[in-house]
Amino acid sequence: MSDKESCPKPKQHPAHMCQLKHEGRIEEIDKHSAQPKFVCNRCRAKADSEDYLCNPRPL
C-alpha cells in the first residue's frame, strides 16, 4: 500500500476506504460508496459519508 493509499491513523479509522481496500473487503467498499458524496484528498476514494475517508471533501 502506498503512502497515498494508507490511512494516517488506521487504529482510529478501521473502516476507512483505504483500509477496506488494503484488506480486500470489496463488498464493504461497494456498500459505502453506492451514492458517493465525498472524495478523499489523500487516496481519491469516494464514499457516501465522510466518516469512511481520511481526508474528505464534498464532491
N, C-alpha and C. Protein backbone atom coordinates (compact mmCIF):
# COMPACT_ATOMS: atom_id res chain seq x y z
N MET A 1 0.86 -1.17 0.00
CA MET A 1 0.00 0.00 0.00
C MET A 1 0.91 1.23 0.00
N SER A 2 0.65 2.14 -0.90
CA SER A 2 1.46 3.35 -0.99
C SER A 2 1.05 4.34 0.11
N ASP A 3 1.87 5.38 0.31
CA ASP A 3 1.55 6.40 1.31
C ASP A 3 0.23 7.09 1.00
N LYS A 4 -0.07 7.26 -0.30
CA LYS A 4 -1.32 7.93 -0.68
C LYS A 4 -2.53 7.05 -0.41
N GLU A 5 -2.32 5.73 -0.33
CA GLU A 5 -3.44 4.83 -0.10
C GLU A 5 -3.57 4.41 1.36
N SER A 6 -2.53 4.65 2.15
CA SER A 6 -2.59 4.21 3.54
C SER A 6 -3.23 5.27 4.43
N CYS A 7 -3.93 4.80 5.41
CA CYS A 7 -4.60 5.70 6.35
C CYS A 7 -3.56 6.21 7.35
N PRO A 8 -3.52 7.52 7.59
CA PRO A 8 -2.54 8.05 8.54
C PRO A 8 -2.83 7.65 9.99
N LYS A 9 -4.06 7.26 10.29
CA LYS A 9 -4.45 6.87 11.66
C LYS A 9 -5.30 5.60 11.60
N PRO A 10 -4.73 4.47 11.17
CA PRO A 10 -5.55 3.26 10.96
C PRO A 10 -6.26 2.73 12.21
N LYS A 11 -5.68 2.93 13.39
CA LYS A 11 -6.33 2.42 14.60
C LYS A 11 -7.58 3.22 14.94
N GLN A 12 -7.63 4.49 14.54
CA GLN A 12 -8.80 5.32 14.80
C GLN A 12 -9.85 5.15 13.71
N HIS A 13 -9.46 4.61 12.58
CA HIS A 13 -10.36 4.54 11.42
C HIS A 13 -10.33 3.16 10.76
N PRO A 14 -10.80 2.13 11.43
CA PRO A 14 -10.72 0.77 10.86
C PRO A 14 -11.61 0.56 9.64
N ALA A 15 -12.55 1.45 9.37
CA ALA A 15 -13.45 1.25 8.23
C ALA A 15 -13.23 2.27 7.12
N HIS A 16 -12.09 2.94 7.11
CA HIS A 16 -11.82 3.87 6.01
C HIS A 16 -11.64 3.11 4.71
N MET A 17 -12.03 3.72 3.62
CA MET A 17 -11.98 3.07 2.32
C MET A 17 -10.58 2.54 2.00
N CYS A 18 -9.53 3.30 2.34
CA CYS A 18 -8.18 2.84 2.05
C CYS A 18 -7.86 1.57 2.83
N GLN A 19 -8.33 1.46 4.06
CA GLN A 19 -8.10 0.27 4.86
C GLN A 19 -8.92 -0.90 4.33
N LEU A 20 -10.17 -0.64 3.96
CA LEU A 20 -11.01 -1.69 3.39
C LEU A 20 -10.38 -2.23 2.10
N LYS A 21 -9.86 -1.32 1.27
CA LYS A 21 -9.21 -1.73 0.02
C LYS A 21 -7.97 -2.57 0.32
N HIS A 22 -7.18 -2.13 1.26
CA HIS A 22 -5.97 -2.85 1.65
C HIS A 22 -6.29 -4.27 2.11
N GLU A 23 -7.39 -4.43 2.81
CA GLU A 23 -7.81 -5.73 3.34
C GLU A 23 -8.64 -6.53 2.34
N GLY A 24 -8.93 -5.96 1.17
CA GLY A 24 -9.70 -6.67 0.15
C GLY A 24 -11.17 -6.83 0.48
N ARG A 25 -11.72 -5.92 1.25
CA ARG A 25 -13.13 -6.02 1.68
C ARG A 25 -14.02 -5.27 0.68
N ILE A 26 -14.09 -5.82 -0.52
CA ILE A 26 -14.77 -5.20 -1.66
C ILE A 26 -16.26 -4.97 -1.41
N GLU A 27 -16.94 -5.93 -0.80
CA GLU A 27 -18.38 -5.78 -0.55
C GLU A 27 -18.66 -4.58 0.35
N GLU A 28 -17.80 -4.35 1.33
CA GLU A 28 -17.98 -3.20 2.21
C GLU A 28 -17.70 -1.89 1.47
N ILE A 29 -16.70 -1.90 0.60
CA ILE A 29 -16.40 -0.73 -0.22
C ILE A 29 -17.62 -0.38 -1.06
N ASP A 30 -18.18 -1.37 -1.73
CA ASP A 30 -19.36 -1.15 -2.56
C ASP A 30 -20.54 -0.61 -1.73
N LYS A 31 -20.69 -1.16 -0.54
CA LYS A 31 -21.79 -0.75 0.34
C LYS A 31 -21.67 0.73 0.75
N HIS A 32 -20.46 1.18 1.00
CA HIS A 32 -20.24 2.54 1.49
C HIS A 32 -19.95 3.56 0.39
N SER A 33 -20.04 3.12 -0.87
CA SER A 33 -19.78 4.06 -1.97
C SER A 33 -20.85 3.98 -3.06
N ALA A 34 -22.03 3.51 -2.71
CA ALA A 34 -23.13 3.37 -3.68
C ALA A 34 -23.61 4.71 -4.22
N GLN A 35 -23.65 5.72 -3.36
CA GLN A 35 -24.07 7.07 -3.75
C GLN A 35 -23.08 8.07 -3.16
N PRO A 36 -21.87 8.12 -3.71
CA PRO A 36 -20.82 8.94 -3.11
C PRO A 36 -21.13 10.44 -3.10
N LYS A 37 -20.82 11.04 -1.98
CA LYS A 37 -20.99 12.48 -1.80
C LYS A 37 -19.68 13.15 -1.39
N PHE A 38 -18.66 12.32 -1.08
CA PHE A 38 -17.37 12.82 -0.62
C PHE A 38 -16.24 12.08 -1.34
N VAL A 39 -15.11 12.74 -1.45
CA VAL A 39 -13.91 12.15 -2.03
C VAL A 39 -12.76 12.41 -1.06
N CYS A 40 -11.82 11.49 -0.98
CA CYS A 40 -10.67 11.63 -0.10
C CYS A 40 -9.57 12.40 -0.84
N ASN A 41 -9.08 13.47 -0.24
CA ASN A 41 -8.00 14.24 -0.82
C ASN A 41 -6.68 13.47 -0.80
N ARG A 42 -6.61 12.43 -0.01
CA ARG A 42 -5.39 11.64 0.13
C ARG A 42 -5.31 10.51 -0.90
N CYS A 43 -6.35 9.67 -0.97
CA CYS A 43 -6.27 8.49 -1.85
C CYS A 43 -7.27 8.53 -3.00
N ARG A 44 -8.12 9.56 -3.04
CA ARG A 44 -9.11 9.76 -4.11
C ARG A 44 -10.28 8.77 -4.07
N ALA A 45 -10.41 8.01 -2.99
CA ALA A 45 -11.57 7.12 -2.85
C ALA A 45 -12.82 7.97 -2.68
N LYS A 46 -13.95 7.44 -3.12
CA LYS A 46 -15.24 8.12 -2.96
C LYS A 46 -16.10 7.33 -1.99
N ALA A 47 -16.92 8.06 -1.22
CA ALA A 47 -17.77 7.40 -0.23
C ALA A 47 -19.05 8.19 -0.01
N ASP A 48 -20.05 7.48 0.50
CA ASP A 48 -21.34 8.09 0.81
C ASP A 48 -21.23 9.05 1.99
N SER A 49 -20.34 8.74 2.93
CA SER A 49 -20.18 9.53 4.14
C SER A 49 -18.71 9.88 4.33
N GLU A 50 -18.44 11.05 4.86
CA GLU A 50 -17.06 11.45 5.11
C GLU A 50 -16.41 10.61 6.20
N ASP A 51 -17.20 9.88 6.98
CA ASP A 51 -16.67 9.03 8.03
C ASP A 51 -15.80 7.90 7.50
N TYR A 52 -15.91 7.57 6.22
CA TYR A 52 -15.16 6.47 5.62
C TYR A 52 -13.91 6.93 4.89
N LEU A 53 -13.54 8.21 5.06
CA LEU A 53 -12.39 8.76 4.35
C LEU A 53 -11.43 9.45 5.32
N CYS A 54 -10.14 9.41 5.00
CA CYS A 54 -9.11 10.00 5.87
C CYS A 54 -9.11 11.53 5.80
N ASN A 55 -9.25 12.05 4.58
CA ASN A 55 -9.16 13.48 4.37
C ASN A 55 -10.27 13.89 3.40
N PRO A 56 -11.53 13.88 3.87
CA PRO A 56 -12.67 14.07 2.97
C PRO A 56 -12.94 15.50 2.55
N ARG A 57 -13.56 15.62 1.38
CA ARG A 57 -14.11 16.90 0.91
C ARG A 57 -15.35 16.56 0.10
N PRO A 58 -16.32 17.43 0.05
CA PRO A 58 -17.53 17.16 -0.74
C PRO A 58 -17.21 17.05 -2.22
N LEU A 59 -17.97 16.22 -2.89
CA LEU A 59 -17.82 16.10 -4.36
C LEU A 59 -18.41 17.31 -5.04
